[in-house]
Amino acid sequence: MSSYGDDATVREILEGSGDTWAVVGLSNNTARAAYGVAKVLQRYGKRVVPVHPSAETVHGEQGYPSLAAIPFPVDVVDVFVNSRLAGAVADEAVAVGAKAVWFQLNVIDEAAYRRTRDAGVTMVMDRCPAIEIPRLPRST
């Protein structure tokens, strides 16, 4: 297990950070991991907000070209961009007031992780919510 978010932090984000997830890098490209992960998040009751330069509507949700363009608060920012671009996304997530930042598998930027945590924002890195969320006990 990596040191970039233990199971308690994963649970905190999935259960306690809120249900509006901005998914950065989400488009209608069904071959991309973001497309499938966003569908899993929706199945578990999360509102998925696509963030992509094309601002496409994906899974029935209006897309936006950037986090700053979203006209309502987002709780969690789920990042599917290349590691060298991810730090700027984390900084933007902090700037828009997100409660948590989630870097997907193989998205790693240790400096961004430290900056985000130092700003008081919960963060995990190099994990996937579509893998983690089914492991949580479901409420009935």
N, C-alpha and C. Protein backbone atom coordinates (compact mmCIF):
# COMPACT_ATOMS: atom_id res chain seq x y z
N MET A 1 0.84 -1.19 0.00
CA MET A 1 0.00 0.00 0.00
C MET A 1 0.88 1.24 0.00
N SER A 2 0.48 2.22 -0.75
CA SER A 2 1.22 3.47 -0.80
C SER A 2 0.96 4.27 0.47
N SER A 3 1.76 5.29 0.68
CA SER A 3 1.58 6.15 1.85
C SER A 3 0.78 7.39 1.48
N TYR A 4 0.06 7.35 0.38
CA TYR A 4 -0.65 8.53 -0.12
C TYR A 4 -2.14 8.46 0.13
N GLY A 5 -2.52 8.00 1.27
CA GLY A 5 -3.92 7.91 1.62
C GLY A 5 -4.24 6.52 2.13
N ASP A 6 -4.40 6.42 3.44
CA ASP A 6 -4.69 5.12 4.02
C ASP A 6 -6.18 4.81 3.85
N ASP A 7 -6.57 3.61 4.30
CA ASP A 7 -7.96 3.19 4.12
C ASP A 7 -8.93 4.12 4.83
N ALA A 8 -8.54 4.66 5.97
CA ALA A 8 -9.43 5.58 6.69
C ALA A 8 -9.67 6.85 5.87
N THR A 9 -8.62 7.35 5.20
CA THR A 9 -8.78 8.55 4.37
C THR A 9 -9.64 8.24 3.16
N VAL A 10 -9.43 7.08 2.56
CA VAL A 10 -10.25 6.65 1.42
C VAL A 10 -11.72 6.61 1.84
N ARG A 11 -12.00 6.01 2.98
CA ARG A 11 -13.38 5.91 3.48
C ARG A 11 -13.95 7.31 3.75
N GLU A 12 -13.14 8.17 4.36
CA GLU A 12 -13.59 9.54 4.66
C GLU A 12 -14.02 10.26 3.38
N ILE A 13 -13.22 10.13 2.33
CA ILE A 13 -13.58 10.80 1.07
C ILE A 13 -14.82 10.18 0.46
N LEU A 14 -14.89 8.86 0.41
CA LEU A 14 -16.00 8.19 -0.25
C LEU A 14 -17.32 8.34 0.51
N GLU A 15 -17.25 8.37 1.83
CA GLU A 15 -18.48 8.42 2.62
C GLU A 15 -18.79 9.78 3.23
N GLY A 16 -17.77 10.59 3.47
CA GLY A 16 -18.01 11.80 4.24
C GLY A 16 -17.70 13.12 3.59
N SER A 17 -17.15 13.10 2.39
CA SER A 17 -16.74 14.37 1.77
C SER A 17 -17.82 14.99 0.89
N GLY A 18 -18.88 14.26 0.63
CA GLY A 18 -19.95 14.79 -0.22
C GLY A 18 -20.08 14.00 -1.50
N ASP A 19 -21.17 14.25 -2.20
CA ASP A 19 -21.53 13.42 -3.34
C ASP A 19 -21.36 14.08 -4.69
N THR A 20 -20.81 15.29 -4.76
CA THR A 20 -20.59 15.94 -6.06
C THR A 20 -19.11 15.82 -6.41
N TRP A 21 -18.83 15.01 -7.40
CA TRP A 21 -17.46 14.71 -7.82
C TRP A 21 -17.19 15.31 -9.19
N ALA A 22 -16.23 16.21 -9.25
CA ALA A 22 -15.73 16.70 -10.54
C ALA A 22 -14.68 15.71 -11.02
N VAL A 23 -14.87 15.17 -12.21
CA VAL A 23 -13.93 14.18 -12.75
C VAL A 23 -13.14 14.85 -13.87
N VAL A 24 -11.91 15.21 -13.56
CA VAL A 24 -11.06 15.94 -14.50
C VAL A 24 -10.44 14.95 -15.48
N GLY A 25 -10.73 15.18 -16.77
CA GLY A 25 -10.27 14.28 -17.81
C GLY A 25 -11.38 13.40 -18.35
N LEU A 26 -12.62 13.58 -17.83
CA LEU A 26 -13.75 12.77 -18.28
C LEU A 26 -14.33 13.31 -19.58
N SER A 27 -14.39 12.41 -20.57
CA SER A 27 -15.02 12.73 -21.86
C SER A 27 -15.85 11.53 -22.27
N ASN A 28 -16.40 11.57 -23.46
CA ASN A 28 -17.19 10.45 -23.97
C ASN A 28 -16.35 9.36 -24.61
N ASN A 29 -15.05 9.40 -24.42
CA ASN A 29 -14.18 8.36 -24.93
C ASN A 29 -14.33 7.13 -24.04
N THR A 30 -15.09 6.15 -24.51
CA THR A 30 -15.40 4.97 -23.69
C THR A 30 -14.18 4.09 -23.42
N ALA A 31 -13.10 4.29 -24.16
CA ALA A 31 -11.89 3.50 -23.95
C ALA A 31 -11.06 4.02 -22.79
N ARG A 32 -11.36 5.23 -22.32
CA ARG A 32 -10.59 5.82 -21.23
C ARG A 32 -11.13 5.35 -19.88
N ALA A 33 -10.23 5.17 -18.92
CA ALA A 33 -10.62 4.70 -17.59
C ALA A 33 -11.63 5.65 -16.93
N ALA A 34 -11.48 6.95 -17.16
CA ALA A 34 -12.38 7.92 -16.51
C ALA A 34 -13.84 7.63 -16.83
N TYR A 35 -14.12 7.19 -18.03
CA TYR A 35 -15.50 6.93 -18.44
C TYR A 35 -16.14 5.83 -17.57
N GLY A 36 -15.42 4.73 -17.41
CA GLY A 36 -15.94 3.62 -16.60
C GLY A 36 -15.99 3.94 -15.13
N VAL A 37 -14.97 4.61 -14.62
CA VAL A 37 -14.94 4.97 -13.20
C VAL A 37 -16.09 5.92 -12.87
N ALA A 38 -16.35 6.87 -13.74
CA ALA A 38 -17.45 7.82 -13.52
C ALA A 38 -18.78 7.07 -13.45
N LYS A 39 -18.95 6.06 -14.28
CA LYS A 39 -20.19 5.26 -14.26
C LYS A 39 -20.33 4.54 -12.92
N VAL A 40 -19.24 3.99 -12.41
CA VAL A 40 -19.27 3.32 -11.10
C VAL A 40 -19.64 4.32 -10.00
N LEU A 41 -19.04 5.51 -10.04
CA LEU A 41 -19.36 6.52 -9.04
C LEU A 41 -20.85 6.86 -9.08
N GLN A 42 -21.41 7.00 -10.27
CA GLN A 42 -22.85 7.28 -10.40
C GLN A 42 -23.67 6.15 -9.80
N ARG A 43 -23.26 4.92 -10.06
CA ARG A 43 -24.00 3.76 -9.53
C ARG A 43 -24.05 3.80 -8.01
N TYR A 44 -23.03 4.37 -7.40
CA TYR A 44 -22.97 4.46 -5.95
C TYR A 44 -23.50 5.80 -5.43
N GLY A 45 -24.25 6.51 -6.25
CA GLY A 45 -24.95 7.70 -5.78
C GLY A 45 -24.20 9.01 -5.86
N LYS A 46 -23.06 9.02 -6.53
CA LYS A 46 -22.30 10.27 -6.68
C LYS A 46 -22.79 11.02 -7.92
N ARG A 47 -22.82 12.34 -7.81
CA ARG A 47 -23.07 13.18 -8.99
C ARG A 47 -21.70 13.42 -9.64
N VAL A 48 -21.59 13.05 -10.89
CA VAL A 48 -20.33 13.16 -11.61
C VAL A 48 -20.39 14.38 -12.53
N VAL A 49 -19.43 15.28 -12.39
CA VAL A 49 -19.36 16.48 -13.22
C VAL A 49 -18.13 16.37 -14.12
N PRO A 50 -18.33 16.20 -15.43
CA PRO A 50 -17.19 16.08 -16.34
C PRO A 50 -16.42 17.41 -16.45
N VAL A 51 -15.09 17.31 -16.36
CA VAL A 51 -14.22 18.47 -16.58
C VAL A 51 -13.22 18.07 -17.65
N HIS A 52 -13.34 18.75 -18.80
CA HIS A 52 -12.52 18.40 -19.97
C HIS A 52 -12.55 19.61 -20.90
N PRO A 53 -11.47 19.89 -21.60
CA PRO A 53 -11.48 21.05 -22.50
C PRO A 53 -12.66 21.08 -23.47
N SER A 54 -13.17 19.91 -23.87
CA SER A 54 -14.29 19.87 -24.80
C SER A 54 -15.64 20.13 -24.12
N ALA A 55 -15.68 20.10 -22.79
CA ALA A 55 -16.90 20.38 -22.01
C ALA A 55 -18.09 19.54 -22.48
N GLU A 56 -17.84 18.28 -22.81
CA GLU A 56 -18.89 17.40 -23.28
C GLU A 56 -19.85 17.01 -22.15
N THR A 57 -21.10 16.74 -22.51
CA THR A 57 -22.03 16.10 -21.59
C THR A 57 -21.70 14.61 -21.57
N VAL A 58 -21.47 14.06 -20.38
CA VAL A 58 -21.10 12.65 -20.24
C VAL A 58 -21.99 12.03 -19.16
N HIS A 59 -22.49 10.84 -19.42
CA HIS A 59 -23.36 10.14 -18.47
C HIS A 59 -24.51 11.04 -18.02
N GLY A 60 -25.01 11.88 -18.92
CA GLY A 60 -26.13 12.73 -18.62
C GLY A 60 -25.81 13.99 -17.84
N GLU A 61 -24.55 14.25 -17.56
CA GLU A 61 -24.15 15.43 -16.79
C GLU A 61 -23.40 16.42 -17.68
N GLN A 62 -23.79 17.68 -17.59
CA GLN A 62 -23.14 18.77 -18.33
C GLN A 62 -21.66 18.84 -17.97
N GLY A 63 -20.82 18.97 -18.99
CA GLY A 63 -19.39 19.12 -18.77
C GLY A 63 -18.97 20.58 -18.72
N TYR A 64 -17.80 20.81 -18.15
CA TYR A 64 -17.23 22.15 -18.03
C TYR A 64 -15.77 22.10 -18.45
N PRO A 65 -15.24 23.21 -19.00
CA PRO A 65 -13.85 23.19 -19.48
C PRO A 65 -12.81 23.25 -18.36
N SER A 66 -13.22 23.66 -17.16
CA SER A 66 -12.27 23.75 -16.03
C SER A 66 -13.05 23.68 -14.73
N LEU A 67 -12.34 23.45 -13.65
CA LEU A 67 -12.99 23.46 -12.33
C LEU A 67 -13.59 24.83 -12.03
N ALA A 68 -12.87 25.87 -12.39
CA ALA A 68 -13.33 27.23 -12.11
C ALA A 68 -14.63 27.57 -12.85
N ALA A 69 -14.90 26.88 -13.95
CA ALA A 69 -16.10 27.16 -14.74
C ALA A 69 -17.36 26.51 -14.16
N ILE A 70 -17.22 25.59 -13.21
CA ILE A 70 -18.38 24.91 -12.63
C ILE A 70 -19.10 25.91 -11.73
N PRO A 71 -20.41 26.15 -11.99
CA PRO A 71 -21.12 27.22 -11.27
C PRO A 71 -21.72 26.80 -9.93
N PHE A 72 -21.28 25.69 -9.39
CA PHE A 72 -21.77 25.21 -8.09
C PHE A 72 -20.61 24.53 -7.38
N PRO A 73 -20.72 24.34 -6.06
CA PRO A 73 -19.61 23.73 -5.33
C PRO A 73 -19.41 22.26 -5.71
N VAL A 74 -18.16 21.84 -5.73
CA VAL A 74 -17.85 20.42 -5.88
C VAL A 74 -17.19 19.95 -4.58
N ASP A 75 -17.48 18.71 -4.24
CA ASP A 75 -16.96 18.16 -2.99
C ASP A 75 -15.60 17.49 -3.19
N VAL A 76 -15.50 16.69 -4.24
CA VAL A 76 -14.29 15.92 -4.50
C VAL A 76 -13.86 16.16 -5.95
N VAL A 77 -12.56 16.32 -6.15
CA VAL A 77 -12.01 16.44 -7.50
C VAL A 77 -11.21 15.16 -7.77
N ASP A 78 -11.67 14.38 -8.73
CA ASP A 78 -11.06 13.12 -9.12
C ASP A 78 -10.25 13.38 -10.39
N VAL A 79 -8.94 13.10 -10.33
CA VAL A 79 -8.01 13.58 -11.36
C VAL A 79 -7.51 12.42 -12.23
N PHE A 80 -7.83 12.49 -13.51
CA PHE A 80 -7.43 11.50 -14.51
C PHE A 80 -6.49 12.10 -15.55
N VAL A 81 -5.66 13.04 -15.17
CA VAL A 81 -4.72 13.62 -16.14
C VAL A 81 -3.32 13.12 -15.85
N ASN A 82 -2.43 13.32 -16.79
CA ASN A 82 -1.03 12.94 -16.65
C ASN A 82 -0.44 13.56 -15.39
N SER A 83 0.44 12.82 -14.73
CA SER A 83 1.04 13.28 -13.47
C SER A 83 1.65 14.68 -13.58
N ARG A 84 2.26 15.01 -14.73
CA ARG A 84 2.90 16.32 -14.85
C ARG A 84 1.90 17.47 -14.90
N LEU A 85 0.62 17.16 -15.19
CA LEU A 85 -0.44 18.17 -15.20
C LEU A 85 -1.27 18.15 -13.92
N ALA A 86 -1.13 17.11 -13.13
CA ALA A 86 -2.03 16.90 -11.99
C ALA A 86 -1.85 17.93 -10.88
N GLY A 87 -0.62 18.40 -10.68
CA GLY A 87 -0.39 19.38 -9.60
C GLY A 87 -1.19 20.64 -9.79
N ALA A 88 -1.26 21.12 -11.02
CA ALA A 88 -2.04 22.33 -11.30
C ALA A 88 -3.52 22.08 -11.04
N VAL A 89 -4.00 20.89 -11.33
CA VAL A 89 -5.39 20.55 -11.07
C VAL A 89 -5.65 20.53 -9.55
N ALA A 90 -4.72 19.95 -8.80
CA ALA A 90 -4.87 19.94 -7.34
C ALA A 90 -4.91 21.36 -6.79
N ASP A 91 -4.05 22.23 -7.30
CA ASP A 91 -4.04 23.62 -6.85
C ASP A 91 -5.37 24.30 -7.18
N GLU A 92 -5.92 24.02 -8.37
CA GLU A 92 -7.21 24.59 -8.75
C GLU A 92 -8.33 24.05 -7.85
N ALA A 93 -8.24 22.76 -7.50
CA ALA A 93 -9.24 22.16 -6.60
C ALA A 93 -9.26 22.87 -5.25
N VAL A 94 -8.07 23.15 -4.72
CA VAL A 94 -7.97 23.89 -3.46
C VAL A 94 -8.59 25.28 -3.65
N ALA A 95 -8.26 25.92 -4.75
CA ALA A 95 -8.73 27.29 -5.01
C ALA A 95 -10.26 27.37 -5.11
N VAL A 96 -10.91 26.33 -5.64
CA VAL A 96 -12.37 26.37 -5.77
C VAL A 96 -13.08 25.84 -4.53
N GLY A 97 -12.32 25.42 -3.53
CA GLY A 97 -12.93 25.02 -2.27
C GLY A 97 -13.35 23.57 -2.17
N ALA A 98 -12.77 22.69 -2.98
CA ALA A 98 -13.10 21.27 -2.88
C ALA A 98 -12.69 20.75 -1.50
N LYS A 99 -13.44 19.78 -1.00
CA LYS A 99 -13.14 19.18 0.30
C LYS A 99 -12.06 18.12 0.19
N ALA A 100 -11.93 17.52 -1.00
CA ALA A 100 -10.98 16.43 -1.18
C ALA A 100 -10.50 16.38 -2.62
N VAL A 101 -9.30 15.83 -2.78
CA VAL A 101 -8.71 15.60 -4.10
C VAL A 101 -8.32 14.13 -4.17
N TRP A 102 -8.61 13.53 -5.30
CA TRP A 102 -8.30 12.11 -5.51
C TRP A 102 -7.51 11.98 -6.80
N PHE A 103 -6.23 11.57 -6.69
CA PHE A 103 -5.41 11.27 -7.87
C PHE A 103 -5.56 9.79 -8.17
N GLN A 104 -5.90 9.48 -9.41
CA GLN A 104 -6.13 8.11 -9.84
C GLN A 104 -4.85 7.27 -9.82
N LEU A 105 -5.01 5.97 -10.07
CA LEU A 105 -3.86 5.07 -10.16
C LEU A 105 -2.83 5.63 -11.14
N ASN A 106 -1.59 5.62 -10.73
CA ASN A 106 -0.45 6.07 -11.53
C ASN A 106 -0.41 7.57 -11.76
N VAL A 107 -1.26 8.33 -11.09
CA VAL A 107 -1.18 9.79 -11.12
C VAL A 107 -0.51 10.19 -9.81
N ILE A 108 0.75 10.60 -9.91
CA ILE A 108 1.56 10.84 -8.72
C ILE A 108 2.30 12.17 -8.85
N ASP A 109 2.12 13.00 -7.85
CA ASP A 109 2.85 14.27 -7.73
C ASP A 109 2.99 14.55 -6.25
N GLU A 110 4.13 14.15 -5.69
CA GLU A 110 4.31 14.25 -4.24
C GLU A 110 4.26 15.69 -3.74
N ALA A 111 4.79 16.64 -4.51
CA ALA A 111 4.75 18.04 -4.10
C ALA A 111 3.30 18.53 -4.05
N ALA A 112 2.49 18.14 -5.03
CA ALA A 112 1.08 18.53 -5.04
C ALA A 112 0.34 17.90 -3.86
N TYR A 113 0.69 16.66 -3.56
CA TYR A 113 0.09 15.98 -2.41
C TYR A 113 0.36 16.76 -1.13
N ARG A 114 1.61 17.15 -0.92
CA ARG A 114 1.97 17.94 0.28
C ARG A 114 1.26 19.28 0.29
N ARG A 115 1.26 20.00 -0.83
CA ARG A 115 0.59 21.31 -0.89
C ARG A 115 -0.89 21.20 -0.57
N THR A 116 -1.52 20.19 -1.13
CA THR A 116 -2.97 20.02 -0.94
C THR A 116 -3.27 19.70 0.52
N ARG A 117 -2.52 18.77 1.09
CA ARG A 117 -2.72 18.41 2.50
C ARG A 117 -2.40 19.61 3.40
N ASP A 118 -1.34 20.34 3.08
CA ASP A 118 -0.97 21.52 3.88
C ASP A 118 -2.06 22.59 3.82
N ALA A 119 -2.84 22.61 2.74
CA ALA A 119 -3.95 23.57 2.60
C ALA A 119 -5.19 23.10 3.36
N GLY A 120 -5.10 21.93 4.00
CA GLY A 120 -6.22 21.43 4.78
C GLY A 120 -7.22 20.62 3.99
N VAL A 121 -6.84 20.20 2.79
CA VAL A 121 -7.74 19.44 1.93
C VAL A 121 -7.32 17.97 1.99
N THR A 122 -8.28 17.10 2.22
CA THR A 122 -8.04 15.66 2.26
C THR A 122 -7.62 15.18 0.88
N MET A 123 -6.68 14.25 0.84
CA MET A 123 -6.22 13.79 -0.48
C MET A 123 -5.74 12.35 -0.41
N VAL A 124 -6.02 11.62 -1.48
CA VAL A 124 -5.39 10.33 -1.73
C VAL A 124 -4.79 10.38 -3.13
N MET A 125 -3.78 9.55 -3.32
CA MET A 125 -3.05 9.55 -4.59
C MET A 125 -2.72 8.10 -4.95
N ASP A 126 -2.77 7.81 -6.26
CA ASP A 126 -2.42 6.49 -6.77
C ASP A 126 -3.39 5.41 -6.27
N ARG A 127 -4.69 5.77 -6.18
CA ARG A 127 -5.74 4.81 -5.83
C ARG A 127 -6.92 5.06 -6.78
N CYS A 128 -7.87 4.14 -6.84
CA CYS A 128 -9.02 4.28 -7.72
C CYS A 128 -10.31 4.10 -6.94
N PRO A 129 -11.21 5.10 -7.00
CA PRO A 129 -12.46 4.96 -6.24
C PRO A 129 -13.34 3.82 -6.73
N ALA A 130 -13.23 3.46 -8.01
CA ALA A 130 -14.04 2.35 -8.52
C ALA A 130 -13.58 1.01 -7.94
N ILE A 131 -12.35 0.95 -7.49
CA ILE A 131 -11.84 -0.24 -6.81
C ILE A 131 -12.21 -0.17 -5.32
N GLU A 132 -12.11 1.01 -4.75
CA GLU A 132 -12.30 1.17 -3.31
C GLU A 132 -13.76 1.17 -2.88
N ILE A 133 -14.63 1.82 -3.64
CA ILE A 133 -16.02 2.01 -3.19
C ILE A 133 -16.78 0.69 -3.01
N PRO A 134 -16.59 -0.32 -3.87
CA PRO A 134 -17.31 -1.58 -3.63
C PRO A 134 -16.86 -2.30 -2.35
N ARG A 135 -15.69 -1.94 -1.85
CA ARG A 135 -15.17 -2.58 -0.63
C ARG A 135 -15.84 -2.03 0.62
N LEU A 136 -16.50 -0.87 0.52
CA LEU A 136 -17.17 -0.28 1.67
C LEU A 136 -18.46 -1.04 1.97
N PRO A 137 -18.79 -1.17 3.25
CA PRO A 137 -20.09 -1.80 3.55
C PRO A 137 -21.22 -0.92 3.05
N ARG A 138 -22.19 -1.51 2.40
CA ARG A 138 -23.35 -0.76 1.87
C ARG A 138 -24.38 -0.60 2.97
N SER A 139 -24.94 0.59 3.06
CA SER A 139 -26.04 0.78 4.00
C SER A 139 -27.31 0.28 3.34
N THR A 140 -28.20 -0.26 4.14
CA THR A 140 -29.42 -0.82 3.57
C THR A 140 -30.62 0.03 3.88
